[in-house]
Amino acid sequence: MNNLAAIQMISERDANNNLIRLRALLRGLAPTANQLVLLPENALAFADKESYLSLAEDLGCGFYQAQLSALAKQYQCYLVCGSFPINSEEKDRVFTSTLVFSPQGRLICHYHKLHLFDALLSDKKGHYKESDTFVAGQDTVLFDWCLDSETTVKVGIAICYDLRFPALFQMLRAQGAEVILVSAAFTKVTGAAHWQPLLQARAIENQCYIVAANQGGEHPCGRETFGHSMIISPWGEVIKQLQFGEGVIQARFKKSLLEQVRRAMPVSAHNRFIHSLEK
């Protein structure tokens, strides 16, 4: 039974339109009970600073968080919104935050993106400076994914640019992660160069399942994202992949495979830097 899923979207500025498409994608997926379903970064709004500031809600309350909660409860799944603008103490900047809803519709954890993308690229946008809009988070985050009454899996969270910082993933692994979620809006330029190699490296280094949901094409604002959402095994094998466009991929989390890979090559036990990571 498939219990991991990534939804790829081509989100636009209008959050209500994105919500309509998300509902349609979830209907097509028809999640199984307790399935882990990851949405991409900026799932409900792919926009600009003014739009993010106007859309932002206080953590744990607001119209759009209520809609996500209702969808998780409707489908009895763990619904992970890759990122959503959450109010900070600053008036002109917000957090960009992963929100995790349980099958009961409860917001069970959140993660504020740690690494903000300030870069120059050879694409239509050219200059990216997330720090103008967002406040960086301070903490790594994991949550318990209850597959059934007997099985609980530790799940770590990362967003987009975080992928380029292996120490974050090593920290999540040291804290017990068995699955790491990567929501993203990786650009077409950087995605073509680095997306898959980085995802596979993070899976191999940490012997974790990686579930990566990316934005997947040309957006109404003219920006282009790379797509290629994928699910990767702890051995680094790409199990499922969706290249471009909107859609869903699924795979099965196999605890036995994860344990086999870690037992055969106990990288964590051999890691001479592990104690400094845990501090």
Protein backbone atom coordinates (compact mmCIF):
# COMPACT_ATOMS: atom_id res chain seq x y z
CA MET A 1 0.00 0.00 0.00
CA ASN A 2 1.36 3.43 -0.95
CA ASN A 3 1.75 5.63 2.11
CA LEU A 4 4.02 8.40 0.80
CA ALA A 5 2.80 11.02 -1.68
CA ALA A 6 4.02 14.25 -3.25
CA ILE A 7 1.72 16.67 -5.04
CA GLN A 8 3.23 18.85 -7.78
CA MET A 9 1.49 22.12 -8.57
CA ILE A 10 1.91 25.19 -10.76
CA SER A 11 0.62 27.68 -8.23
CA GLU A 12 -0.38 31.25 -9.06
CA ARG A 13 -0.97 34.44 -7.09
CA ASP A 14 -4.65 33.73 -6.29
CA ALA A 15 -4.83 31.46 -3.24
CA ASN A 16 -8.46 30.50 -3.88
CA ASN A 17 -7.66 29.23 -7.38
CA ASN A 18 -4.76 27.22 -5.98
CA LEU A 19 -7.04 25.77 -3.32
CA ILE A 20 -9.52 24.65 -5.98
CA ARG A 21 -6.75 22.84 -7.88
CA LEU A 22 -5.40 21.31 -4.68
CA ARG A 23 -8.83 19.88 -3.89
CA ALA A 24 -8.99 18.34 -7.37
CA LEU A 25 -5.53 16.81 -7.00
CA LEU A 26 -6.45 15.33 -3.62
CA ARG A 27 -9.64 13.87 -5.08
CA GLY A 28 -7.55 12.18 -7.76
CA LEU A 29 -5.06 10.90 -5.21
CA ALA A 30 -7.77 9.61 -2.83
CA PRO A 31 -5.27 9.22 0.04
CA THR A 32 -5.25 6.08 2.10
CA ALA A 33 -5.72 6.35 5.86
CA ASN A 34 -2.73 8.06 7.52
CA GLN A 35 -0.96 8.62 4.19
CA LEU A 36 1.77 11.27 4.28
CA VAL A 37 0.94 13.86 1.59
CA LEU A 38 3.42 16.65 0.83
CA LEU A 39 2.56 19.85 -1.06
CA PRO A 40 5.20 22.09 -2.69
CA GLU A 41 6.60 25.34 -1.37
CA ASN A 42 4.21 28.26 -1.97
CA ALA A 43 1.40 25.80 -2.61
CA LEU A 44 -1.39 28.30 -1.96
CA ALA A 45 0.33 31.40 -3.30
CA PHE A 46 3.18 31.84 -5.75
CA ALA A 47 3.43 35.59 -5.62
CA ASP A 48 5.32 38.67 -4.43
CA LYS A 49 6.01 40.35 -1.12
CA GLU A 50 2.79 42.35 -1.02
CA SER A 51 0.69 39.26 -1.69
CA TYR A 52 2.47 37.21 0.96
CA LEU A 53 2.03 39.97 3.54
CA SER A 54 -1.68 40.30 2.79
CA LEU A 55 -2.22 36.52 2.80
CA ALA A 56 -0.26 35.84 6.00
CA GLU A 57 -2.12 34.42 9.00
CA ASP A 58 -1.29 33.99 12.66
CA LEU A 59 0.01 30.50 13.35
CA GLY A 60 -2.83 28.09 14.08
CA CYS A 61 -5.71 30.26 12.94
CA GLY A 62 -7.07 31.81 9.78
CA PHE A 63 -9.18 30.90 6.75
CA TYR A 64 -6.55 29.04 4.73
CA GLN A 65 -5.20 27.05 7.64
CA ALA A 66 -8.80 26.03 8.38
CA GLN A 67 -9.19 24.84 4.77
CA LEU A 68 -6.02 22.73 5.00
CA SER A 69 -7.16 21.32 8.33
CA ALA A 70 -10.52 20.35 6.83
CA LEU A 71 -8.84 18.60 3.88
CA ALA A 72 -6.59 16.58 6.19
CA LYS A 73 -9.62 15.53 8.21
CA GLN A 74 -11.71 14.79 5.12
CA TYR A 75 -9.10 12.45 3.67
CA GLN A 76 -7.80 11.16 7.03
CA CYS A 77 -4.23 11.89 5.95
CA TYR A 78 -1.19 13.77 7.19
CA LEU A 79 -1.39 16.84 4.97
CA VAL A 80 1.85 18.82 4.85
CA CYS A 81 1.57 22.27 3.30
CA GLY A 82 5.07 22.89 1.96
CA SER A 83 5.02 26.55 2.90
CA PHE A 84 2.53 29.23 3.84
CA PRO A 85 3.14 32.83 5.03
CA ILE A 86 2.85 33.09 8.81
CA ASN A 87 2.92 36.38 10.68
CA SER A 88 6.10 37.27 12.55
CA GLU A 89 6.77 40.02 15.08
CA GLU A 90 7.97 42.22 12.23
CA LYS A 91 5.44 44.34 10.34
CA ASP A 92 7.05 44.05 6.91
CA ARG A 93 8.31 40.45 6.92
CA VAL A 94 6.71 37.08 7.60
CA PHE A 95 7.83 33.50 8.10
CA THR A 96 7.52 31.02 5.24
CA SER A 97 6.42 27.93 7.09
CA THR A 98 5.67 24.27 6.59
CA LEU A 99 2.38 23.34 8.30
CA VAL A 100 1.64 19.73 9.25
CA PHE A 101 -1.98 18.69 9.78
CA SER A 102 -2.93 15.33 11.30
CA PRO A 103 -5.74 13.06 10.06
CA GLN A 104 -7.84 14.63 12.82
CA GLY A 105 -7.23 18.06 11.30
CA ARG A 106 -4.95 19.29 14.07
CA LEU A 107 -1.93 21.46 13.32
CA ILE A 108 0.64 19.19 14.96
CA CYS A 109 3.81 21.07 14.06
CA HIS A 110 5.28 23.85 11.95
CA TYR A 111 8.70 24.63 10.53
CA HIS A 112 9.94 28.11 9.67
CA LYS A 113 12.36 27.94 6.72
CA LEU A 114 15.93 28.21 7.99
CA HIS A 115 17.84 29.20 4.84
CA LEU A 116 16.56 32.08 2.72
CA PHE A 117 17.32 32.17 -1.00
CA ASP A 118 19.27 35.34 -1.83
CA ALA A 119 20.93 34.68 -5.18
CA LEU A 120 21.59 35.88 -8.71
CA LEU A 121 20.50 33.56 -11.54
CA SER A 122 20.52 33.65 -15.32
CA ASP A 123 16.74 33.39 -15.69
CA LYS A 124 13.87 35.83 -16.30
CA LYS A 125 13.71 36.96 -12.68
CA GLY A 126 17.46 37.19 -12.20
CA HIS A 127 17.66 38.51 -8.64
CA TYR A 128 16.13 36.53 -5.79
CA LYS A 129 16.15 37.96 -2.27
CA GLU A 130 13.82 36.08 0.05
CA SER A 131 15.23 37.90 3.07
CA ASP A 132 13.37 41.04 1.93
CA THR A 133 10.09 39.22 2.51
CA PHE A 134 10.76 36.46 5.02
CA VAL A 135 12.27 36.02 8.47
CA ALA A 136 14.58 33.01 8.81
CA GLY A 137 13.59 30.29 11.26
CA GLN A 138 15.84 29.13 14.08
CA ASP A 139 15.01 25.47 14.74
CA THR A 140 15.06 22.05 13.11
CA VAL A 141 11.73 20.24 13.28
CA LEU A 142 10.60 16.61 13.26
CA PHE A 143 7.19 15.08 13.89
CA ASP A 144 5.77 11.63 14.54
CA TRP A 145 3.95 10.04 11.61
CA CYS A 146 1.69 7.30 12.97
CA LEU A 147 1.35 4.76 10.19
CA ASP A 148 -0.87 2.54 12.32
CA SER A 149 -1.38 1.62 15.96
CA GLU A 150 2.00 -0.14 16.06
CA THR A 151 4.27 1.93 13.79
CA THR A 152 5.49 5.48 14.32
CA VAL A 153 8.00 7.08 11.93
CA LYS A 154 10.14 10.15 12.62
CA VAL A 155 9.78 12.73 9.83
CA GLY A 156 12.07 15.73 9.32
CA ILE A 157 11.24 18.88 7.38
CA ALA A 158 13.18 21.09 4.96
CA ILE A 159 12.21 23.74 2.41
CA CYS A 160 13.85 24.35 -0.99
CA TYR A 161 17.16 26.22 -0.44
CA ASP A 162 17.66 24.15 2.74
CA LEU A 163 18.55 21.32 0.38
CA ARG A 164 21.98 22.86 -0.23
CA PHE A 165 22.97 22.60 3.43
CA PRO A 166 23.86 18.99 4.26
CA ALA A 167 24.44 19.74 7.95
CA LEU A 168 20.70 20.39 8.34
CA PHE A 169 19.88 16.94 6.98
CA GLN A 170 22.61 15.35 9.11
CA MET A 171 21.10 17.07 12.14
CA LEU A 172 17.65 15.70 11.29
CA ARG A 173 19.14 12.22 10.88
CA ALA A 174 20.93 12.55 14.24
CA GLN A 175 17.58 13.47 15.78
CA GLY A 176 16.01 10.29 14.46
CA ALA A 177 14.62 11.13 11.02
CA GLU A 178 13.62 8.17 8.85
CA VAL A 179 11.83 10.28 6.23
CA ILE A 180 12.75 13.85 5.26
CA LEU A 181 10.29 16.05 3.39
CA VAL A 182 11.56 18.67 0.94
CA SER A 183 9.00 21.12 -0.39
CA ALA A 184 10.33 23.43 -3.07
CA ALA A 185 9.89 25.99 -5.80
CA PHE A 186 13.28 25.17 -7.34
CA THR A 187 13.85 27.27 -10.42
CA LYS A 188 14.20 25.78 -13.89
CA VAL A 189 17.87 26.85 -14.09
CA THR A 190 19.01 25.60 -10.68
CA GLY A 191 16.76 22.57 -10.86
CA ALA A 192 18.20 21.33 -14.14
CA ALA A 193 21.70 21.66 -12.69
CA HIS A 194 21.35 20.44 -9.13
CA TRP A 195 17.90 19.26 -7.99
CA GLN A 196 18.15 15.49 -8.43
CA PRO A 197 21.85 15.14 -7.46
CA LEU A 198 21.25 17.05 -4.24
CA LEU A 199 18.14 15.04 -3.34
CA GLN A 200 19.88 11.73 -3.99
CA ALA A 201 22.94 12.82 -2.01
CA ARG A 202 20.80 13.77 0.99
CA ALA A 203 19.04 10.38 0.83
CA ILE A 204 22.29 8.42 0.51
CA GLU A 205 24.23 10.37 3.14
CA ASN A 206 21.50 10.05 5.74
CA GLN A 207 19.96 6.72 4.72
CA CYS A 208 16.49 8.26 4.76
CA TYR A 209 13.52 8.29 2.45
CA ILE A 210 13.32 11.67 0.74
CA VAL A 211 9.92 12.95 -0.41
CA ALA A 212 10.34 16.06 -2.58
CA ALA A 213 7.40 18.11 -3.89
CA ASN A 214 8.38 20.89 -6.31
CA GLN A 215 6.48 23.51 -8.25
CA GLY A 216 6.28 22.24 -11.80
CA GLY A 217 6.33 24.60 -14.76
CA GLU A 218 5.69 28.13 -16.06
CA HIS A 219 3.69 30.32 -13.70
CA PRO A 220 1.35 33.17 -14.69
CA CYS A 221 3.88 35.65 -13.26
CA GLY A 222 6.42 34.43 -15.83
CA ARG A 223 8.67 32.54 -13.43
CA GLU A 224 9.64 28.98 -14.34
CA THR A 225 10.07 26.13 -11.88
CA PHE A 226 11.71 22.78 -12.56
CA GLY A 227 9.18 20.20 -11.41
CA HIS A 228 10.60 16.68 -11.17
CA SER A 229 8.98 15.96 -7.83
CA MET A 230 10.30 12.62 -6.64
CA ILE A 231 10.41 10.00 -3.92
CA ILE A 232 13.83 8.49 -3.19
CA SER A 233 14.75 5.41 -1.19
CA PRO A 234 17.37 5.31 1.61
CA TRP A 235 19.71 3.69 -0.95
CA GLY A 236 19.35 6.70 -3.26
CA GLU A 237 17.08 5.07 -5.83
CA VAL A 238 14.47 7.33 -7.46
CA ILE A 239 11.33 5.29 -6.86
CA LYS A 240 8.83 7.67 -8.48
CA GLN A 241 9.15 10.94 -10.38
CA LEU A 242 6.87 13.42 -12.13
CA GLN A 243 8.67 15.67 -14.60
CA PHE A 244 6.47 18.67 -15.40
CA GLY A 245 2.92 19.85 -14.88
CA GLU A 246 0.54 19.23 -12.02
CA GLY A 247 0.01 15.76 -10.64
CA VAL A 248 0.72 13.26 -7.92
CA ILE A 249 3.31 10.57 -7.24
CA GLN A 250 3.11 7.83 -4.64
CA ALA A 251 5.37 5.18 -3.15
CA ARG A 252 5.52 2.84 -0.19
CA PHE A 253 7.57 3.54 2.93
CA LYS A 254 9.25 0.25 3.82
CA LYS A 255 10.63 0.21 7.33
CA SER A 256 12.38 -3.08 6.61
CA LEU A 257 14.32 -1.57 3.68
CA LEU A 258 15.42 1.41 5.75
CA GLU A 259 16.61 -0.87 8.56
CA GLN A 260 18.40 -3.15 6.09
CA VAL A 261 20.31 -0.25 4.51
CA ARG A 262 21.33 1.15 7.89
CA ARG A 263 22.31 -2.25 9.27
CA ALA A 264 24.46 -3.16 6.27
CA MET A 265 26.33 0.17 6.32
CA PRO A 266 25.97 1.83 9.76
CA VAL A 267 26.97 5.31 8.62
CA SER A 268 25.45 7.01 11.65
CA ALA A 269 27.47 4.89 14.07
CA HIS A 270 30.65 5.57 12.06
CA ASN A 271 30.09 9.32 11.87
CA ARG A 272 32.84 10.94 13.94
CA PHE A 273 31.05 14.31 13.86
CA ILE A 274 27.69 13.04 15.14
CA HIS A 275 28.10 14.30 18.69
CA SER A 276 28.87 17.84 17.58
CA LEU A 277 25.73 17.76 15.43
CA GLU A 278 23.56 16.73 18.36
CA LYS A 279 24.75 19.61 20.57
